């Protein structure tokens, strides 16, 4: 039995021809849950170091490109207590 997510993925046709495998890797990481860019980079360095040598600037540039194309959503929430911004990617 397929899950609702599997059905949604099957219905969403994304042409990945010519895509960099690193962009696909980032999309795969984000399928499980919303994450901050820092969390994504930490996961890649910790768990995927044998699969990719993607550096943080490359990951952030790819996330920006994916967001600009509408494949992911990113949001920045201001923390009033600390004055820092907190960004989440989904």
Protein backbone atom coordinates (compact mmCIF):
# COMPACT_ATOMS: atom_id res chain seq x y z
CA UNK A 1 0.00 0.00 0.00
CA UNK A 2 1.44 3.37 -0.96
CA UNK A 3 1.39 6.32 1.39
CA UNK A 4 -0.18 9.68 0.66
CA UNK A 5 3.34 11.09 0.14
CA UNK A 6 4.13 8.41 -2.45
CA UNK A 7 0.93 9.25 -4.29
CA UNK A 8 1.72 12.97 -4.17
CA UNK A 9 5.22 12.34 -5.50
CA UNK A 10 3.87 10.21 -8.34
CA UNK A 11 1.43 12.97 -9.28
CA UNK A 12 4.12 15.67 -9.19
CA UNK A 13 6.10 15.41 -12.38
CA UNK A 14 9.43 17.20 -12.06
CA UNK A 15 11.74 17.12 -15.04
CA UNK A 16 15.14 16.40 -13.53
CA UNK A 17 16.95 16.14 -16.86
CA UNK A 18 20.28 17.89 -16.58
CA UNK A 19 20.00 18.35 -12.82
CA UNK A 20 23.04 18.20 -10.66
CA UNK A 21 22.92 15.12 -8.42
CA UNK A 22 23.64 17.41 -5.47
CA UNK A 23 20.31 19.23 -5.97
CA UNK A 24 18.53 15.87 -6.01
CA UNK A 25 20.37 14.91 -2.83
CA UNK A 26 19.12 18.08 -1.10
CA UNK A 27 15.55 17.39 -2.22
CA UNK A 28 15.85 13.87 -0.84
CA UNK A 29 17.09 15.14 2.52
CA UNK A 30 14.18 17.59 2.72
CA UNK A 31 11.56 14.91 1.95
CA UNK A 32 11.70 13.62 5.51
CA UNK A 33 11.14 16.93 7.35
CA UNK A 34 11.58 20.71 7.27
CA UNK A 35 15.13 21.65 8.19
CA UNK A 36 17.39 24.64 8.55
CA UNK A 37 20.24 25.01 6.07
CA UNK A 38 22.68 24.41 8.92
CA UNK A 39 20.93 21.14 9.83
CA UNK A 40 21.05 19.98 6.22
CA UNK A 41 24.77 20.69 5.99
CA UNK A 42 25.48 18.95 9.29
CA UNK A 43 23.56 15.86 8.12
CA UNK A 44 25.46 15.80 4.84
CA UNK A 45 28.83 16.10 6.59
CA UNK A 46 27.95 13.48 9.22
CA UNK A 47 25.95 10.88 7.33
CA UNK A 48 26.69 11.39 3.64
CA UNK A 49 30.41 12.19 3.62
CA UNK A 50 31.10 9.00 1.66
CA UNK A 51 28.49 9.88 -0.95
CA UNK A 52 29.26 13.55 -1.58
CA UNK A 53 31.88 16.17 -0.89
CA UNK A 54 29.39 19.04 -1.17
CA UNK A 55 30.58 22.16 0.64
CA UNK A 56 28.32 24.52 2.59
CA UNK A 57 28.44 27.38 0.06
CA UNK A 58 27.42 24.97 -2.71
CA UNK A 59 24.54 23.62 -0.63
CA UNK A 60 23.26 27.10 0.16
CA UNK A 61 23.52 28.17 -3.50
CA UNK A 62 21.59 25.06 -4.58
CA UNK A 63 18.95 25.66 -1.91
CA UNK A 64 18.55 29.24 -3.17
CA UNK A 65 18.18 27.97 -6.74
CA UNK A 66 15.63 25.33 -5.73
CA UNK A 67 13.67 27.96 -3.83
CA UNK A 68 13.75 30.41 -6.75
CA UNK A 69 12.38 27.70 -9.04
CA UNK A 70 9.60 26.90 -6.57
CA UNK A 71 10.74 23.36 -5.71
CA UNK A 72 11.19 24.18 -2.02
CA UNK A 73 9.80 26.82 0.32
CA UNK A 74 12.02 28.78 2.64
CA UNK A 75 10.97 31.11 5.39
CA UNK A 76 12.73 33.36 7.85
CA UNK A 77 11.17 33.98 11.25
CA UNK A 78 12.45 36.74 13.50
CA UNK A 79 13.16 35.76 17.07
CA UNK A 80 12.21 38.70 19.24
CA UNK A 81 14.09 37.51 22.32
CA UNK A 82 17.50 37.15 20.66
CA UNK A 83 17.08 39.46 17.68
CA UNK A 84 18.34 36.68 15.39
CA UNK A 85 16.57 35.28 12.35
CA UNK A 86 15.62 31.63 12.16
CA UNK A 87 15.24 30.15 8.68
CA UNK A 88 13.47 26.92 7.83
CA UNK A 89 13.41 25.09 4.51
CA UNK A 90 10.74 22.66 3.38
